[in-house]
Amino acid sequence: MKLFNKTNMKNKETRRLPMGKTSKRALSAYAALVLILCCTTTTAFAASDPLTVINNLSEFIFGLIRAIGMILLGFGIVQIGLSLKSHDPSQRANGFLTLAGGVIITFAKEILTLITG
């Protein structure tokens, strides 16, 4: 079975699609806007104290971890609700485990500060 007829492919020539004056202006304005937004440089000022930088990075990372924990909490609640509707004990157990994991991940920073003192 032939999908492409190679003899017809050799004789075809390519042509540009017609582009009007307004389309060319719009394309050039879009390209200029992209270049302006992407290629401009901004000055980044660093903090004078290295510990401040480390603390900011730590807060950012723990914020991401907290967001993941909240997602797991929501997913665990949905899983428990679905298991109660379908009377499935294994799904209910998985839901409670996901809920517990979400709580632990959400409060990971507080748990670590309690452990370390």
N, C-alpha and C. Protein backbone atom coordinates (compact mmCIF):
# COMPACT_ATOMS: atom_id res chain seq x y z
N MET A 1 0.84 -1.17 0.00
CA MET A 1 0.00 0.00 0.00
C MET A 1 0.89 1.25 0.00
N LYS A 2 0.67 2.11 -0.95
CA LYS A 2 1.44 3.35 -1.06
C LYS A 2 0.67 4.49 -0.44
N LEU A 3 1.31 5.17 0.48
CA LEU A 3 0.67 6.32 1.09
C LEU A 3 0.93 7.59 0.31
N PHE A 4 2.12 7.69 -0.26
CA PHE A 4 2.47 8.88 -1.01
C PHE A 4 2.90 8.48 -2.40
N ASN A 5 2.46 9.23 -3.35
CA ASN A 5 2.89 9.01 -4.71
C ASN A 5 4.09 9.92 -4.96
N LYS A 6 5.28 9.32 -5.03
CA LYS A 6 6.50 10.12 -5.10
C LYS A 6 6.68 10.80 -6.45
N THR A 7 6.05 10.30 -7.49
CA THR A 7 6.22 10.94 -8.79
C THR A 7 5.52 12.29 -8.81
N ASN A 8 4.38 12.42 -8.13
CA ASN A 8 3.70 13.72 -8.08
C ASN A 8 4.40 14.70 -7.15
N MET A 9 5.09 14.20 -6.17
CA MET A 9 5.77 15.07 -5.21
C MET A 9 6.94 15.80 -5.85
N LYS A 10 7.56 15.23 -6.85
CA LYS A 10 8.71 15.87 -7.49
C LYS A 10 8.31 17.06 -8.33
N ASN A 11 7.14 17.02 -8.92
CA ASN A 11 6.74 18.07 -9.84
C ASN A 11 6.07 19.26 -9.15
N LYS A 12 5.76 19.14 -7.89
CA LYS A 12 5.07 20.23 -7.20
C LYS A 12 6.07 21.30 -6.79
N GLU A 13 5.68 22.54 -6.99
CA GLU A 13 6.52 23.64 -6.56
C GLU A 13 5.85 24.35 -5.39
N THR A 14 6.67 24.93 -4.57
CA THR A 14 6.14 25.61 -3.39
C THR A 14 5.97 27.09 -3.69
N ARG A 15 4.91 27.66 -3.09
CA ARG A 15 4.66 29.08 -3.25
C ARG A 15 4.37 29.69 -1.89
N ARG A 16 4.69 30.96 -1.75
CA ARG A 16 4.40 31.67 -0.52
C ARG A 16 2.90 31.93 -0.43
N LEU A 17 2.43 31.93 0.80
CA LEU A 17 1.04 32.32 1.00
C LEU A 17 0.94 33.83 0.92
N PRO A 18 -0.12 34.34 0.35
CA PRO A 18 -0.24 35.79 0.24
C PRO A 18 -0.42 36.44 1.61
N MET A 19 0.30 37.55 1.82
CA MET A 19 0.21 38.28 3.07
C MET A 19 0.00 39.75 2.74
N GLY A 20 -1.07 40.28 3.26
CA GLY A 20 -1.40 41.67 2.98
C GLY A 20 -0.54 42.64 3.76
N LYS A 21 -0.77 43.91 3.50
CA LYS A 21 0.02 44.96 4.13
C LYS A 21 -0.26 45.02 5.64
N THR A 22 -1.52 44.86 6.04
CA THR A 22 -1.86 44.92 7.46
C THR A 22 -1.31 43.70 8.20
N SER A 23 -1.30 42.56 7.56
CA SER A 23 -0.75 41.36 8.20
C SER A 23 0.75 41.51 8.42
N LYS A 24 1.44 42.10 7.44
CA LYS A 24 2.87 42.32 7.60
C LYS A 24 3.16 43.30 8.73
N ARG A 25 2.36 44.35 8.83
CA ARG A 25 2.54 45.32 9.91
C ARG A 25 2.26 44.69 11.27
N ALA A 26 1.21 43.88 11.34
CA ALA A 26 0.88 43.22 12.60
C ALA A 26 1.98 42.25 13.01
N LEU A 27 2.52 41.50 12.05
CA LEU A 27 3.59 40.56 12.35
C LEU A 27 4.86 41.28 12.80
N SER A 28 5.19 42.39 12.16
CA SER A 28 6.38 43.13 12.57
C SER A 28 6.19 43.79 13.94
N ALA A 29 4.98 44.27 14.24
CA ALA A 29 4.72 44.84 15.56
C ALA A 29 4.80 43.77 16.64
N TYR A 30 4.26 42.57 16.35
CA TYR A 30 4.33 41.47 17.30
C TYR A 30 5.78 41.05 17.55
N ALA A 31 6.58 40.95 16.48
CA ALA A 31 7.98 40.59 16.63
C ALA A 31 8.74 41.63 17.43
N ALA A 32 8.46 42.91 17.18
CA ALA A 32 9.12 43.97 17.93
C ALA A 32 8.73 43.92 19.40
N LEU A 33 7.47 43.66 19.70
CA LEU A 33 7.00 43.57 21.08
C LEU A 33 7.67 42.40 21.81
N VAL A 34 7.78 41.28 21.12
CA VAL A 34 8.43 40.12 21.73
C VAL A 34 9.90 40.42 22.00
N LEU A 35 10.58 41.04 21.07
CA LEU A 35 11.99 41.37 21.27
C LEU A 35 12.17 42.37 22.40
N ILE A 36 11.29 43.34 22.50
CA ILE A 36 11.40 44.33 23.57
C ILE A 36 11.19 43.68 24.93
N LEU A 37 10.18 42.81 25.03
CA LEU A 37 9.88 42.19 26.31
C LEU A 37 10.92 41.15 26.73
N CYS A 38 11.47 40.44 25.76
CA CYS A 38 12.40 39.36 26.10
C CYS A 38 13.85 39.80 26.21
N CYS A 39 14.22 40.80 25.49
CA CYS A 39 15.64 41.15 25.41
C CYS A 39 16.05 42.30 26.32
N THR A 40 15.12 42.92 26.98
CA THR A 40 15.51 43.99 27.89
C THR A 40 16.10 43.39 29.15
N THR A 41 17.08 44.05 29.67
CA THR A 41 17.74 43.54 30.86
C THR A 41 17.25 44.30 32.08
N THR A 42 17.14 43.59 33.17
CA THR A 42 16.77 44.22 34.43
C THR A 42 17.88 43.95 35.43
N THR A 43 18.10 44.90 36.30
CA THR A 43 19.14 44.76 37.31
C THR A 43 18.57 44.02 38.51
N ALA A 44 19.28 43.00 38.94
CA ALA A 44 18.87 42.24 40.12
C ALA A 44 19.79 42.64 41.27
N PHE A 45 19.21 43.16 42.33
CA PHE A 45 20.00 43.56 43.48
C PHE A 45 20.02 42.43 44.49
N ALA A 46 21.19 42.04 44.90
CA ALA A 46 21.33 40.96 45.87
C ALA A 46 21.28 41.55 47.28
N ALA A 47 20.88 40.71 48.20
CA ALA A 47 20.85 41.14 49.60
C ALA A 47 22.28 41.20 50.13
N SER A 48 22.50 42.09 51.07
CA SER A 48 23.86 42.25 51.59
C SER A 48 24.23 41.11 52.53
N ASP A 49 23.24 40.52 53.18
CA ASP A 49 23.50 39.45 54.15
C ASP A 49 23.22 38.10 53.49
N PRO A 50 24.22 37.20 53.46
CA PRO A 50 24.00 35.89 52.82
C PRO A 50 22.94 35.05 53.55
N LEU A 51 22.80 35.25 54.87
CA LEU A 51 21.79 34.48 55.60
C LEU A 51 20.38 34.87 55.19
N THR A 52 20.19 36.13 54.80
CA THR A 52 18.88 36.57 54.31
C THR A 52 18.52 35.85 53.02
N VAL A 53 19.51 35.67 52.15
CA VAL A 53 19.28 34.96 50.89
C VAL A 53 18.91 33.51 51.17
N ILE A 54 19.62 32.87 52.08
CA ILE A 54 19.33 31.47 52.42
C ILE A 54 17.94 31.35 53.04
N ASN A 55 17.58 32.28 53.91
CA ASN A 55 16.25 32.24 54.54
C ASN A 55 15.14 32.46 53.52
N ASN A 56 15.37 33.37 52.57
CA ASN A 56 14.37 33.59 51.52
C ASN A 56 14.20 32.35 50.65
N LEU A 57 15.31 31.71 50.32
CA LEU A 57 15.23 30.48 49.53
C LEU A 57 14.53 29.38 50.30
N SER A 58 14.81 29.28 51.59
CA SER A 58 14.16 28.27 52.43
C SER A 58 12.65 28.51 52.50
N GLU A 59 12.25 29.77 52.66
CA GLU A 59 10.82 30.08 52.70
C GLU A 59 10.15 29.76 51.37
N PHE A 60 10.83 30.03 50.26
CA PHE A 60 10.27 29.72 48.95
C PHE A 60 10.08 28.22 48.77
N ILE A 61 11.10 27.44 49.13
CA ILE A 61 11.02 25.99 48.96
C ILE A 61 9.93 25.41 49.87
N PHE A 62 9.86 25.88 51.11
CA PHE A 62 8.81 25.37 52.00
C PHE A 62 7.42 25.83 51.55
N GLY A 63 7.33 26.96 50.87
CA GLY A 63 6.06 27.37 50.28
C GLY A 63 5.61 26.42 49.18
N LEU A 64 6.58 25.99 48.35
CA LEU A 64 6.26 25.01 47.32
C LEU A 64 5.83 23.68 47.93
N ILE A 65 6.55 23.25 48.97
CA ILE A 65 6.20 22.00 49.63
C ILE A 65 4.81 22.10 50.26
N ARG A 66 4.49 23.24 50.84
CA ARG A 66 3.16 23.44 51.44
C ARG A 66 2.07 23.36 50.37
N ALA A 67 2.34 23.92 49.18
CA ALA A 67 1.36 23.86 48.10
C ALA A 67 1.12 22.42 47.66
N ILE A 68 2.18 21.64 47.57
CA ILE A 68 2.03 20.22 47.21
C ILE A 68 1.24 19.49 48.27
N GLY A 69 1.50 19.80 49.54
CA GLY A 69 0.75 19.18 50.63
C GLY A 69 -0.72 19.52 50.58
N MET A 70 -1.05 20.76 50.24
CA MET A 70 -2.46 21.15 50.12
C MET A 70 -3.15 20.40 48.98
N ILE A 71 -2.43 20.20 47.89
CA ILE A 71 -3.00 19.43 46.78
C ILE A 71 -3.27 18.00 47.22
N LEU A 72 -2.33 17.41 47.96
CA LEU A 72 -2.53 16.04 48.46
C LEU A 72 -3.69 15.99 49.46
N LEU A 73 -3.82 17.01 50.29
CA LEU A 73 -4.95 17.06 51.23
C LEU A 73 -6.28 17.04 50.47
N GLY A 74 -6.39 17.87 49.46
CA GLY A 74 -7.62 17.91 48.67
C GLY A 74 -7.90 16.60 47.98
N PHE A 75 -6.84 16.00 47.42
CA PHE A 75 -7.01 14.71 46.73
C PHE A 75 -7.42 13.63 47.72
N GLY A 76 -6.87 13.65 48.93
CA GLY A 76 -7.23 12.66 49.94
C GLY A 76 -8.68 12.79 50.36
N ILE A 77 -9.15 14.03 50.51
CA ILE A 77 -10.55 14.25 50.89
C ILE A 77 -11.49 13.74 49.79
N VAL A 78 -11.13 14.02 48.53
CA VAL A 78 -11.95 13.52 47.42
C VAL A 78 -11.95 12.00 47.39
N GLN A 79 -10.79 11.39 47.64
CA GLN A 79 -10.70 9.94 47.62
C GLN A 79 -11.53 9.32 48.75
N ILE A 80 -11.51 9.92 49.92
CA ILE A 80 -12.32 9.42 51.04
C ILE A 80 -13.81 9.55 50.71
N GLY A 81 -14.20 10.67 50.13
CA GLY A 81 -15.60 10.86 49.75
C GLY A 81 -16.06 9.85 48.72
N LEU A 82 -15.21 9.58 47.73
CA LEU A 82 -15.58 8.58 46.72
C LEU A 82 -15.65 7.18 47.31
N SER A 83 -14.77 6.89 48.27
CA SER A 83 -14.79 5.56 48.88
C SER A 83 -16.02 5.36 49.76
N LEU A 84 -16.48 6.43 50.41
CA LEU A 84 -17.70 6.33 51.21
C LEU A 84 -18.92 6.11 50.32
N LYS A 85 -18.88 6.68 49.13
CA LYS A 85 -20.00 6.51 48.20
C LYS A 85 -20.03 5.10 47.62
N SER A 86 -18.84 4.54 47.31
CA SER A 86 -18.79 3.23 46.66
C SER A 86 -18.60 2.07 47.64
N HIS A 87 -18.46 2.36 48.92
CA HIS A 87 -18.28 1.33 49.96
C HIS A 87 -17.06 0.44 49.67
N ASP A 88 -15.94 1.09 49.29
CA ASP A 88 -14.72 0.35 48.98
C ASP A 88 -13.71 0.59 50.10
N PRO A 89 -13.43 -0.45 50.92
CA PRO A 89 -12.52 -0.24 52.06
C PRO A 89 -11.08 0.03 51.66
N SER A 90 -10.61 -0.58 50.57
CA SER A 90 -9.21 -0.34 50.17
C SER A 90 -9.02 1.09 49.68
N GLN A 91 -10.02 1.60 48.96
CA GLN A 91 -9.94 2.98 48.51
C GLN A 91 -10.05 3.94 49.71
N ARG A 92 -10.82 3.56 50.70
CA ARG A 92 -10.94 4.38 51.91
C ARG A 92 -9.61 4.43 52.65
N ALA A 93 -8.93 3.30 52.73
CA ALA A 93 -7.61 3.26 53.38
C ALA A 93 -6.61 4.12 52.62
N ASN A 94 -6.63 4.03 51.30
CA ASN A 94 -5.72 4.86 50.49
C ASN A 94 -6.05 6.34 50.67
N GLY A 95 -7.32 6.66 50.78
CA GLY A 95 -7.72 8.04 51.00
C GLY A 95 -7.22 8.59 52.32
N PHE A 96 -7.34 7.79 53.38
CA PHE A 96 -6.85 8.24 54.68
C PHE A 96 -5.33 8.36 54.70
N LEU A 97 -4.64 7.44 54.01
CA LEU A 97 -3.18 7.54 53.93
C LEU A 97 -2.76 8.80 53.15
N THR A 98 -3.46 9.09 52.07
CA THR A 98 -3.16 10.30 51.30
C THR A 98 -3.44 11.55 52.12
N LEU A 99 -4.54 11.53 52.87
CA LEU A 99 -4.87 12.66 53.74
C LEU A 99 -3.81 12.86 54.81
N ALA A 100 -3.36 11.78 55.42
CA ALA A 100 -2.32 11.88 56.46
C ALA A 100 -1.01 12.38 55.86
N GLY A 101 -0.65 11.87 54.68
CA GLY A 101 0.56 12.34 54.01
C GLY A 101 0.48 13.80 53.65
N GLY A 102 -0.70 14.25 53.21
CA GLY A 102 -0.89 15.66 52.88
C GLY A 102 -0.75 16.55 54.09
N VAL A 103 -1.26 16.09 55.25
CA VAL A 103 -1.13 16.87 56.49
C VAL A 103 0.34 16.97 56.88
N ILE A 104 1.06 15.85 56.80
CA ILE A 104 2.48 15.86 57.17
C ILE A 104 3.28 16.76 56.23
N ILE A 105 3.00 16.68 54.93
CA ILE A 105 3.75 17.51 53.98
C ILE A 105 3.39 18.98 54.14
N THR A 106 2.11 19.27 54.40
CA THR A 106 1.69 20.66 54.56
C THR A 106 2.38 21.32 55.75
N PHE A 107 2.49 20.59 56.84
CA PHE A 107 3.09 21.16 58.04
C PHE A 107 4.52 20.67 58.26
N ALA A 108 5.25 20.43 57.18
CA ALA A 108 6.63 19.92 57.28
C ALA A 108 7.55 20.92 57.96
N LYS A 109 7.41 22.20 57.65
CA LYS A 109 8.29 23.21 58.25
C LYS A 109 8.08 23.29 59.75
N GLU A 110 6.82 23.29 60.17
CA GLU A 110 6.53 23.35 61.60
C GLU A 110 7.00 22.10 62.33
N ILE A 111 6.86 20.95 61.67
CA ILE A 111 7.32 19.69 62.27
C ILE A 111 8.84 19.71 62.43
N LEU A 112 9.54 20.20 61.42
CA LEU A 112 11.00 20.27 61.49
C LEU A 112 11.47 21.25 62.56
N THR A 113 10.78 22.37 62.71
CA THR A 113 11.19 23.30 63.77
C THR A 113 10.89 22.74 65.15
N LEU A 114 9.84 21.94 65.30
CA LEU A 114 9.58 21.29 66.59
C LEU A 114 10.66 20.25 66.92
N ILE A 115 11.09 19.52 65.89
CA ILE A 115 12.11 18.49 66.11
C ILE A 115 13.46 19.12 66.44
N THR A 116 13.86 20.14 65.67
CA THR A 116 15.18 20.74 65.87
C THR A 116 15.20 21.71 67.05
N GLY A 117 14.08 22.23 67.44
CA GLY A 117 14.00 23.09 68.63
C GLY A 117 14.15 24.50 68.34
